[in-house]
Amino acid sequence: MSKPPPRDETGRYGLSDDDLKSVPTVFRDGLLDGQVALVSGAGSGLGKAIAYLFARLGANLVICGRDEEKLARAEADLAELGAEVQTRSMTIRDPDAVTALIDDAWERFGKLDILVNNAGGQFPQPAIDFTVKGWRAVIDTNLNGTWYLMQNAARRWRDADTPGSIVNIVAVVGRGLPDLAHTCAARAGVIHLSKSVAIEWAPLNIRVNCVAPGCVETPAFGLYPPEGRATFYEANPMLRVGDVQDVAQACVYLGAPSGKFITGEVIHIDGGQQNWGDPWAAGRPEHFQLKGG
């Protein structure tokens, strides 16, 4: 079995905030000058990495999340990187809060260019043990919340007769993800929702794409049991995990002019997991343990 790399003395997983401010990027400085990007769930993990890279490339940011303290820290760092930042503590499960967020973004900046739907959440558990409350929580956040943001942004772009780009963070669901069936259901819904409205909204000059991370090391890695984490490092033919910068750069690629002829697409950032891998978030059951030499 491939072994995870050792943690530092803090037990931290993934890139630190200082890393995110300076980790190399393939994109030129100023690529997103004058652009406004909304990144949901930007207080930590993938969302924070995406927001930091957008700010480093010149964009102004609208960020939201549920943890006010984390958002405040992210806001300070983004301002240090030169971005003008609007922050809102909220849940995307609330359609009225989503409408207010989009309205505030337009009032503050006079426009919105890119929406990155990153906010979401799940927990590892065999599907047979899901409670109604647990199922609804994951579906309501990952599917419904994403849709509320998509629809509100699209309506504003339509009414203003301006183009827009939506990037939805989903998951590698083509082969199934045992112990994460609830998020598979929601993320698959987002993928096919995105493909459908990419067609409907093409006349409005609105592009809609998805980024599907595989096993990417974030602070959330520590929430999974050790036996689950161990399978992440052998879930693709590269026998390693990705980092948040891999995902952030894919979002920039789709949102920037580099993605101007791409819509209805899913870009997998997974080291080949979609074709090969076998991650078990809660650990591989005995029935599925590999046997033999």
Foldseek 3Di string as FASTA:
>chain_A
DQDADDAPPVNFKFDDPVCLLDPDDPDDAQLQAPAEEEFEPCLFWLNVSLLNVNLLNHYAYEYEEADPVSQVVSCVSSVVSPHHYHYDHDALLDLVVLLVSVVVVCVVRVAHAEYEYDDADAAFDAPVPDDPVRLCRRLSRLAVSVVSNVVSNLVVLQVVLHAYEYEYEAALDLPHAGRGNSSSVRRVNVLVVQLVVCVVCVVSNYAGEYEHEYAEMTRCLVVFDPQQSRQSQVFAPVSHHHHSNLVSNVSCCCRGPVNSPDHSYYHYRYNHNSPGGDGHRHHDDPVPDDDDD
